[in-house]
Amino acid sequence: MFALINELRVSKLQKQDILTQMENELEVSHILLAWYKTNKRMLPWRESSDPYIIWISEIILQQTRVAQGMDYFYRFTERFPDVASLAAAEEDEVLKYWQGLGYYSRARNLHAAAKSIMDRFGGVFPGEYKEILSLKGIGEYTAAAIVSFVWNKPYPVVDGNVYRVLSRLYAVDTPIDSTQGKKQFAELAALVMNPKYAGTHNQAVMEFGALQCVPQNPDCEVCPLKERCMAYASGNVQAFPVKQNKTKTRPRYFHYLYIIYKRQTWLSRRGKKDIWEGLYEFPLIETAEPMDFAGLQQTEAYRKLFDGAGRMNVSVDMSEVKHVLSHQVLYTTFYRVEIEKVTDALNSYLAVPYEDIERYAVPRLVHIYLEKLNGNLSE
């Protein structure tokens, strides 16, 4: 960084001003490091220098909070303790161990990347930023986290916590979801990072955003950066960070049919180009609008599925369950249907003993239903 300043064609006074600013920004890192030493949480992946363990933890934490993600981390790494074990596993098993975390494409990407490490790097996790970035499912943030945490390489991380801390500290009103914003915050993250302590600094600023500079109602009076925070000085901390686009969502209406014949039920595997690719679910009828059971019975899909089923006993186990995804909101009803005869339409589904359902990786929504079913659907 200092070498770059020396190459610039600026006066000695200008150089001194720039160096003074850089030193001031590094003081931010010093404050964060001191705060982190006192306040950091003791987490299992922080006790490890294994890039594989860091990788798994970062992917899990991208989609869930630490408290919720801990059990998943232990369960996943106990079954797949290294690259080789993950690469050798069947995709269905990987998805099953990921069940409940959501964003199943990330589990598939982990699996594909593990295979790539075995093929391209002889089973040794690569140590260079660009090599790590070349692995499927790993972006700039995750690559920076791995190389800085494990090898202390000076690559700044920029996640939601970092966006929030930096936007408030400097009162940056450039939207974080804009091209200009992403570039600007990457530059700011590099500016405040002390390269001598890159890994610890990255951990510190992320932890600071998670525990101190929280999204709602941060306790600014006890913040060690209070005197430097421009958002605090403006009296409008909650205005930062700024986003330009709100995610548009669309509603979908699902009707799951848990069909029982003697001790048997039926599942299907979701295909590509939709949510939950590769996961198993009960026979599903999707409608364009909300629909009660009387309306569902009039659909062609329902009539086709149960043609020849004989006497039927139908109960509504869960009704209009709201399940929010990144770009969709699912409104789902689960029906339990006991049939007298197996219909021809069911031949296109996978027949399984209903006590074996737990062997299959299912979406979180179906998993919630099964948990309630085992608890007799009590709230």
Protein backbone atom coordinates (compact mmCIF):
# COMPACT_ATOMS: atom_id res chain seq x y z
CA MET A 1 0.00 0.00 0.00
CA PHE A 2 2.78 2.40 0.97
CA ALA A 3 4.74 1.44 -2.15
CA LEU A 4 1.76 2.50 -4.22
CA ILE A 5 1.77 5.95 -2.60
CA ASN A 6 5.44 6.39 -3.44
CA GLU A 7 4.69 5.69 -7.11
CA LEU A 8 2.06 8.42 -7.30
CA ARG A 9 3.10 11.76 -8.82
CA VAL A 10 2.05 13.92 -5.94
CA SER A 11 3.82 16.50 -3.80
CA LYS A 12 5.47 15.63 -0.52
CA LEU A 13 2.68 17.42 1.31
CA GLN A 14 0.05 15.46 -0.57
CA LYS A 15 1.88 12.23 0.15
CA GLN A 16 1.98 13.10 3.83
CA ASP A 17 -1.75 13.85 3.84
CA ILE A 18 -2.51 10.52 2.20
CA LEU A 19 -0.24 8.63 4.57
CA THR A 20 -1.85 10.37 7.54
CA GLN A 21 -5.31 9.36 6.30
CA MET A 22 -4.15 5.76 5.85
CA GLU A 23 -2.76 5.72 9.37
CA ASN A 24 -6.06 7.06 10.67
CA GLU A 25 -7.97 4.33 8.89
CA LEU A 26 -5.63 1.68 10.28
CA GLU A 27 -6.54 3.01 13.72
CA VAL A 28 -10.04 1.72 12.96
CA SER A 29 -8.52 -1.74 12.55
CA HIS A 30 -6.64 -1.34 15.84
CA ILE A 31 -9.90 -0.49 17.64
CA LEU A 32 -11.71 -3.42 16.06
CA LEU A 33 -8.93 -5.85 16.95
CA ALA A 34 -8.99 -4.70 20.58
CA TRP A 35 -12.79 -5.02 20.70
CA TYR A 36 -12.61 -8.48 19.11
CA LYS A 37 -10.07 -9.74 21.62
CA THR A 38 -12.53 -9.01 24.42
CA ASN A 39 -15.86 -9.80 22.78
CA LYS A 40 -15.35 -12.58 20.24
CA ARG A 41 -17.43 -15.72 20.51
CA MET A 42 -15.70 -19.06 20.93
CA LEU A 43 -16.73 -20.94 17.80
CA PRO A 44 -15.37 -24.32 16.66
CA TRP A 45 -14.20 -23.16 13.24
CA ARG A 46 -12.20 -20.36 14.86
CA GLU A 47 -10.12 -23.01 16.59
CA SER A 48 -9.21 -24.58 13.26
CA SER A 49 -6.64 -23.70 10.61
CA ASP A 50 -8.05 -26.28 8.20
CA PRO A 51 -9.29 -24.49 5.04
CA TYR A 52 -11.89 -27.22 4.54
CA ILE A 53 -13.45 -26.54 7.94
CA ILE A 54 -13.40 -22.78 7.34
CA TRP A 55 -15.02 -23.31 3.94
CA ILE A 56 -17.87 -25.42 5.32
CA SER A 57 -18.53 -22.99 8.16
CA GLU A 58 -18.63 -19.98 5.83
CA ILE A 59 -21.08 -21.60 3.43
CA ILE A 60 -23.36 -22.59 6.32
CA LEU A 61 -23.18 -19.14 7.90
CA GLN A 62 -24.10 -17.44 4.63
CA GLN A 63 -27.65 -18.62 5.13
CA THR A 64 -28.21 -19.02 8.84
CA ARG A 65 -27.26 -17.46 12.15
CA VAL A 66 -24.47 -18.93 14.24
CA ALA A 67 -26.82 -20.34 16.89
CA GLN A 68 -28.94 -22.15 14.31
CA GLY A 69 -25.99 -23.20 12.16
CA MET A 70 -23.88 -24.79 14.90
CA ASP A 71 -25.69 -28.14 14.99
CA TYR A 72 -25.66 -28.36 11.20
CA PHE A 73 -21.91 -27.64 11.17
CA TYR A 74 -21.17 -30.39 13.68
CA ARG A 75 -23.43 -32.88 11.94
CA PHE A 76 -22.04 -32.15 8.47
CA THR A 77 -18.35 -32.16 9.42
CA GLU A 78 -18.72 -35.27 11.56
CA ARG A 79 -20.01 -37.18 8.53
CA PHE A 80 -17.76 -35.39 6.02
CA PRO A 81 -14.61 -34.44 7.99
CA ASP A 82 -12.48 -33.68 4.93
CA VAL A 83 -12.51 -33.07 1.20
CA ALA A 84 -12.07 -36.74 0.33
CA SER A 85 -15.08 -37.94 2.34
CA LEU A 86 -17.31 -35.24 0.88
CA ALA A 87 -16.18 -35.94 -2.68
CA ALA A 88 -16.74 -39.69 -2.30
CA ALA A 89 -20.30 -39.35 -0.99
CA GLU A 90 -23.46 -39.68 -3.07
CA GLU A 91 -25.29 -36.43 -3.76
CA ASP A 92 -28.44 -37.70 -2.07
CA GLU A 93 -26.55 -38.21 1.18
CA VAL A 94 -24.95 -34.76 1.00
CA LEU A 95 -28.38 -33.20 0.50
CA LYS A 96 -29.76 -35.21 3.41
CA TYR A 97 -27.08 -33.87 5.75
CA TRP A 98 -27.79 -30.36 4.46
CA GLN A 99 -31.52 -30.78 5.06
CA GLY A 100 -33.04 -27.91 6.99
CA LEU A 101 -30.49 -25.31 5.93
CA GLY A 102 -32.19 -24.47 2.65
CA TYR A 103 -30.43 -23.17 -0.48
CA TYR A 104 -29.66 -26.72 -1.53
CA SER A 105 -27.70 -25.55 -4.56
CA ARG A 106 -24.97 -24.65 -2.08
CA ALA A 107 -24.77 -28.25 -0.91
CA ARG A 108 -24.52 -29.43 -4.52
CA ASN A 109 -21.82 -26.83 -5.15
CA LEU A 110 -19.88 -28.03 -2.07
CA HIS A 111 -20.05 -31.56 -3.42
CA ALA A 112 -18.92 -30.52 -6.91
CA ALA A 113 -16.10 -28.37 -5.52
CA ALA A 114 -14.85 -31.25 -3.34
CA LYS A 115 -14.68 -33.47 -6.42
CA SER A 116 -12.84 -30.72 -8.27
CA ILE A 117 -10.27 -30.44 -5.47
CA MET A 118 -9.67 -34.18 -5.68
CA ASP A 119 -9.27 -34.05 -9.46
CA ARG A 120 -7.38 -30.78 -9.93
CA PHE A 121 -5.40 -30.41 -6.72
CA GLY A 122 -4.75 -33.99 -5.67
CA GLY A 123 -7.15 -33.74 -2.76
CA VAL A 124 -5.25 -30.83 -1.17
CA PHE A 125 -7.28 -27.69 -0.57
CA PRO A 126 -5.71 -24.96 -2.76
CA GLY A 127 -3.98 -22.09 -1.01
CA GLU A 128 -4.16 -19.36 -3.62
CA TYR A 129 -7.05 -16.91 -3.83
CA LYS A 130 -7.62 -17.34 -7.57
CA GLU A 131 -7.51 -21.13 -7.30
CA ILE A 132 -10.08 -21.10 -4.53
CA LEU A 133 -12.21 -18.63 -6.47
CA SER A 134 -12.24 -21.08 -9.39
CA LEU A 135 -14.11 -23.69 -7.34
CA LYS A 136 -17.83 -24.00 -7.93
CA GLY A 137 -19.97 -22.02 -5.52
CA ILE A 138 -17.12 -19.96 -4.07
CA GLY A 139 -17.29 -16.23 -4.61
CA GLU A 140 -15.00 -13.38 -3.67
CA TYR A 141 -16.23 -13.18 -0.09
CA THR A 142 -15.71 -16.87 0.71
CA ALA A 143 -12.34 -17.01 -1.06
CA ALA A 144 -11.16 -13.95 0.88
CA ALA A 145 -12.37 -15.44 4.16
CA ILE A 146 -10.51 -18.70 3.59
CA VAL A 147 -7.15 -17.24 2.54
CA SER A 148 -7.19 -14.58 5.25
CA PHE A 149 -8.37 -16.80 8.11
CA VAL A 150 -6.04 -19.69 7.26
CA TRP A 151 -2.96 -18.01 5.74
CA ASN A 152 -3.40 -14.35 6.82
CA LYS A 153 -3.40 -13.18 3.22
CA PRO A 154 -4.57 -9.54 2.86
CA TYR A 155 -7.88 -10.04 1.09
CA PRO A 156 -10.71 -8.05 2.75
CA VAL A 157 -14.06 -9.72 3.28
CA VAL A 158 -17.26 -7.84 2.48
CA ASP A 159 -20.46 -9.44 3.74
CA GLY A 160 -23.69 -7.99 5.12
CA ASN A 161 -22.09 -7.21 8.47
CA VAL A 162 -19.16 -5.43 6.83
CA TYR A 163 -21.46 -3.41 4.57
CA ARG A 164 -23.36 -2.24 7.62
CA VAL A 165 -20.29 -1.30 9.68
CA LEU A 166 -18.55 0.58 6.86
CA SER A 167 -21.68 2.33 5.56
CA ARG A 168 -22.40 3.69 9.03
CA LEU A 169 -18.80 4.50 9.89
CA TYR A 170 -18.42 6.65 6.76
CA ALA A 171 -22.10 7.50 6.17
CA VAL A 172 -21.90 6.04 2.66
CA ASP A 173 -25.24 6.44 0.91
CA THR A 174 -24.20 4.58 -2.23
CA PRO A 175 -26.54 1.56 -2.48
CA ILE A 176 -24.76 -1.63 -1.43
CA ASP A 177 -26.58 -3.59 -4.15
CA SER A 178 -25.25 -1.38 -6.95
CA THR A 179 -22.11 -1.95 -9.03
CA GLN A 180 -20.67 1.33 -7.80
CA GLY A 181 -21.49 0.46 -4.21
CA LYS A 182 -19.86 -2.93 -4.34
CA LYS A 183 -16.69 -1.40 -5.73
CA GLN A 184 -16.70 1.43 -3.21
CA PHE A 185 -17.18 -0.84 -0.22
CA ALA A 186 -14.48 -3.23 -1.43
CA GLU A 187 -12.07 -0.28 -1.53
CA LEU A 188 -13.15 0.87 1.94
CA ALA A 189 -12.74 -2.64 3.36
CA ALA A 190 -9.19 -2.75 1.98
CA LEU A 191 -8.45 0.74 3.31
CA VAL A 192 -9.32 -0.04 6.93
CA MET A 193 -7.67 -3.49 6.99
CA ASN A 194 -4.25 -3.79 8.58
CA PRO A 195 -2.53 -6.30 6.25
CA LYS A 196 -0.32 -7.54 9.09
CA TYR A 197 -3.40 -8.93 10.85
CA ALA A 198 -5.63 -9.57 7.85
CA GLY A 199 -7.32 -12.71 9.12
CA THR A 200 -8.04 -11.42 12.60
CA HIS A 201 -9.17 -8.06 11.24
CA ASN A 202 -11.66 -9.74 8.90
CA GLN A 203 -13.00 -11.82 11.78
CA ALA A 204 -13.20 -8.70 13.94
CA VAL A 205 -15.18 -6.51 11.57
CA MET A 206 -17.62 -9.32 10.81
CA GLU A 207 -18.08 -10.06 14.51
CA PHE A 208 -18.48 -6.36 15.22
CA GLY A 209 -21.36 -6.20 12.74
CA ALA A 210 -22.94 -9.32 14.18
CA LEU A 211 -22.77 -8.32 17.86
CA GLN A 212 -22.32 -4.55 18.16
CA CYS A 213 -23.30 -2.73 14.96
CA VAL A 214 -26.50 -4.74 14.58
CA PRO A 215 -29.22 -3.98 12.01
CA GLN A 216 -31.86 -2.71 14.43
CA ASN A 217 -31.35 -0.47 17.47
CA PRO A 218 -27.58 -0.78 17.93
CA ASP A 219 -26.26 0.39 21.30
CA CYS A 220 -24.18 3.23 19.92
CA GLU A 221 -23.40 4.68 23.33
CA VAL A 222 -21.04 1.81 24.13
CA CYS A 223 -19.56 1.53 20.63
CA PRO A 224 -15.76 1.98 20.53
CA LEU A 225 -16.08 3.58 17.08
CA LYS A 226 -18.67 6.10 18.24
CA GLU A 227 -16.33 9.11 17.99
CA ARG A 228 -15.43 8.21 14.40
CA CYS A 229 -18.87 7.15 13.17
CA MET A 230 -20.34 9.66 10.74
CA ALA A 231 -23.79 8.03 10.82
CA TYR A 232 -23.86 8.41 14.61
CA ALA A 233 -22.81 12.04 14.28
CA SER A 234 -25.67 12.62 11.85
CA GLY A 235 -28.14 11.07 14.29
CA ASN A 236 -29.47 8.73 11.64
CA VAL A 237 -27.73 5.37 12.08
CA GLN A 238 -30.77 3.40 10.91
CA ALA A 239 -30.55 5.02 7.46
CA PHE A 240 -27.51 2.89 6.64
CA PRO A 241 -26.79 0.81 4.69
CA VAL A 242 -28.77 1.97 1.66
CA LYS A 243 -30.30 -0.46 -0.82
CA GLN A 244 -31.67 0.49 -4.22
CA ASN A 245 -33.70 -2.58 -5.10
CA LYS A 246 -36.24 -4.45 -3.06
CA THR A 247 -36.48 -8.12 -3.91
CA LYS A 248 -39.65 -8.85 -5.81
CA THR A 249 -41.45 -11.99 -4.72
CA ARG A 250 -44.24 -13.98 -6.29
CA PRO A 251 -46.77 -16.20 -4.52
CA ARG A 252 -47.15 -19.91 -5.26
CA TYR A 253 -49.85 -22.23 -3.96
CA PHE A 254 -48.80 -25.79 -3.11
CA HIS A 255 -51.04 -28.71 -2.16
CA TYR A 256 -49.05 -31.70 -0.88
CA LEU A 257 -50.72 -35.09 -0.74
CA TYR A 258 -49.34 -37.54 1.81
CA ILE A 259 -50.93 -40.65 0.33
CA ILE A 260 -51.07 -43.81 2.43
CA TYR A 261 -51.88 -47.35 1.34
CA LYS A 262 -51.34 -49.89 4.10
CA ARG A 263 -47.76 -49.04 5.26
CA GLN A 264 -46.71 -47.42 2.00
CA THR A 265 -46.51 -43.88 0.70
CA TRP A 266 -45.20 -42.14 -2.42
CA LEU A 267 -42.52 -39.56 -3.16
CA SER A 268 -41.24 -37.77 -6.23
CA ARG A 269 -37.91 -36.09 -6.91
CA ARG A 270 -37.92 -32.45 -7.99
CA GLY A 271 -36.31 -31.70 -11.32
CA LYS A 272 -34.11 -28.88 -12.51
CA LYS A 273 -34.96 -25.23 -13.18
CA ASP A 274 -37.06 -24.82 -10.06
CA ILE A 275 -36.64 -24.65 -6.31
CA TRP A 276 -35.29 -27.63 -4.36
CA GLU A 277 -33.67 -29.40 -7.29
CA GLY A 278 -32.98 -33.05 -6.51
CA LEU A 279 -34.98 -33.16 -3.25
CA TYR A 280 -37.87 -35.50 -2.55
CA GLU A 281 -41.44 -34.48 -1.79
CA PHE A 282 -44.96 -35.86 -1.65
CA PRO A 283 -47.15 -35.75 -4.76
CA LEU A 284 -47.78 -32.08 -5.39
CA ILE A 285 -50.53 -30.13 -7.08
CA GLU A 286 -49.70 -26.48 -7.65
CA THR A 287 -52.49 -24.05 -8.39
CA ALA A 288 -52.41 -20.53 -9.75
CA GLU A 289 -54.46 -19.15 -6.84
CA PRO A 290 -55.54 -20.14 -3.32
CA MET A 291 -57.85 -23.15 -3.33
CA ASP A 292 -59.72 -25.16 -0.71
CA PHE A 293 -60.15 -28.92 -0.87
CA ALA A 294 -63.47 -28.72 -2.71
CA GLY A 295 -61.79 -26.71 -5.44
CA LEU A 296 -58.76 -29.00 -5.49
CA GLN A 297 -61.02 -32.00 -6.12
CA GLN A 298 -62.24 -30.36 -9.31
CA THR A 299 -58.77 -30.05 -10.83
CA GLU A 300 -57.68 -32.43 -13.55
CA ALA A 301 -54.47 -33.23 -11.66
CA TYR A 302 -56.41 -34.40 -8.60
CA ARG A 303 -58.86 -36.49 -10.60
CA LYS A 304 -56.04 -38.12 -12.54
CA LEU A 305 -54.04 -38.89 -9.41
CA PHE A 306 -56.91 -40.56 -7.54
CA ASP A 307 -58.83 -42.18 -10.38
CA GLY A 308 -59.50 -45.74 -9.21
CA ALA A 309 -58.43 -45.13 -5.60
CA GLY A 310 -61.72 -46.46 -4.19
CA ARG A 311 -62.76 -45.23 -0.78
CA MET A 312 -60.65 -42.37 0.54
CA ASN A 313 -60.15 -40.85 3.96
CA VAL A 314 -58.83 -37.29 3.66
CA SER A 315 -57.68 -34.98 6.45
CA VAL A 316 -56.07 -31.56 6.40
CA ASP A 317 -52.95 -31.75 8.55
CA MET A 318 -51.53 -28.27 7.97
CA SER A 319 -53.30 -25.48 6.14
CA GLU A 320 -51.91 -22.48 4.23
CA VAL A 321 -48.44 -22.65 5.75
CA LYS A 322 -46.48 -19.57 4.66
CA HIS A 323 -42.90 -20.38 3.64
CA VAL A 324 -40.74 -17.48 2.47
CA LEU A 325 -37.93 -18.03 -0.05
CA SER A 326 -35.66 -15.41 -1.58
CA HIS A 327 -37.93 -14.62 -4.55
CA GLN A 328 -41.04 -16.62 -3.76
CA VAL A 329 -43.60 -17.03 -1.02
CA LEU A 330 -45.17 -20.47 -0.80
CA TYR A 331 -48.63 -20.99 0.67
CA THR A 332 -48.90 -24.70 1.34
CA THR A 333 -51.53 -27.13 2.58
CA PHE A 334 -50.71 -30.71 3.54
CA TYR A 335 -53.41 -33.36 3.05
CA ARG A 336 -53.18 -36.87 4.45
CA VAL A 337 -55.02 -39.24 2.12
CA GLU A 338 -55.64 -42.91 2.93
CA ILE A 339 -56.68 -44.86 -0.16
CA GLU A 340 -58.33 -48.25 -0.71
CA LYS A 341 -56.52 -49.06 -3.96
CA VAL A 342 -53.25 -48.03 -5.61
CA THR A 343 -54.01 -45.98 -8.73
CA ASP A 344 -52.22 -46.21 -12.07
CA ALA A 345 -51.03 -42.60 -11.70
CA LEU A 346 -49.03 -43.53 -8.58
CA ASN A 347 -46.82 -45.82 -10.66
CA SER A 348 -44.94 -42.74 -11.84
CA TYR A 349 -43.94 -41.97 -8.22
CA LEU A 350 -41.44 -43.65 -5.91
CA ALA A 351 -43.18 -46.05 -3.53
CA VAL A 352 -41.55 -46.28 -0.09
CA PRO A 353 -42.52 -47.65 3.32
CA TYR A 354 -43.65 -44.54 5.17
CA GLU A 355 -41.26 -45.23 8.06
CA ASP A 356 -38.39 -44.86 5.53
CA ILE A 357 -39.22 -41.28 4.53
CA GLU A 358 -36.48 -40.01 6.86
CA ARG A 359 -33.88 -41.61 4.60
CA TYR A 360 -34.67 -39.12 1.83
CA ALA A 361 -33.57 -35.50 1.60
CA VAL A 362 -36.67 -33.33 1.62
CA PRO A 363 -37.22 -29.55 1.52
CA ARG A 364 -37.35 -27.73 4.83
CA LEU A 365 -41.07 -27.16 4.36
CA VAL A 366 -41.75 -30.91 4.10
CA HIS A 367 -39.34 -31.56 6.97
CA ILE A 368 -41.38 -29.22 9.20
CA TYR A 369 -44.52 -31.16 8.30
CA LEU A 370 -42.90 -34.50 9.11
CA GLU A 371 -41.67 -33.18 12.46
CA LYS A 372 -45.19 -32.04 13.34
CA LEU A 373 -46.59 -35.32 12.09
CA ASN A 374 -44.32 -37.24 14.44
CA GLY A 375 -45.51 -34.95 17.20
CA ASN A 376 -49.13 -35.63 16.24
CA LEU A 377 -49.28 -32.19 14.63
CA SER A 378 -49.61 -30.39 17.95
CA GLU A 379 -48.60 -26.76 17.90
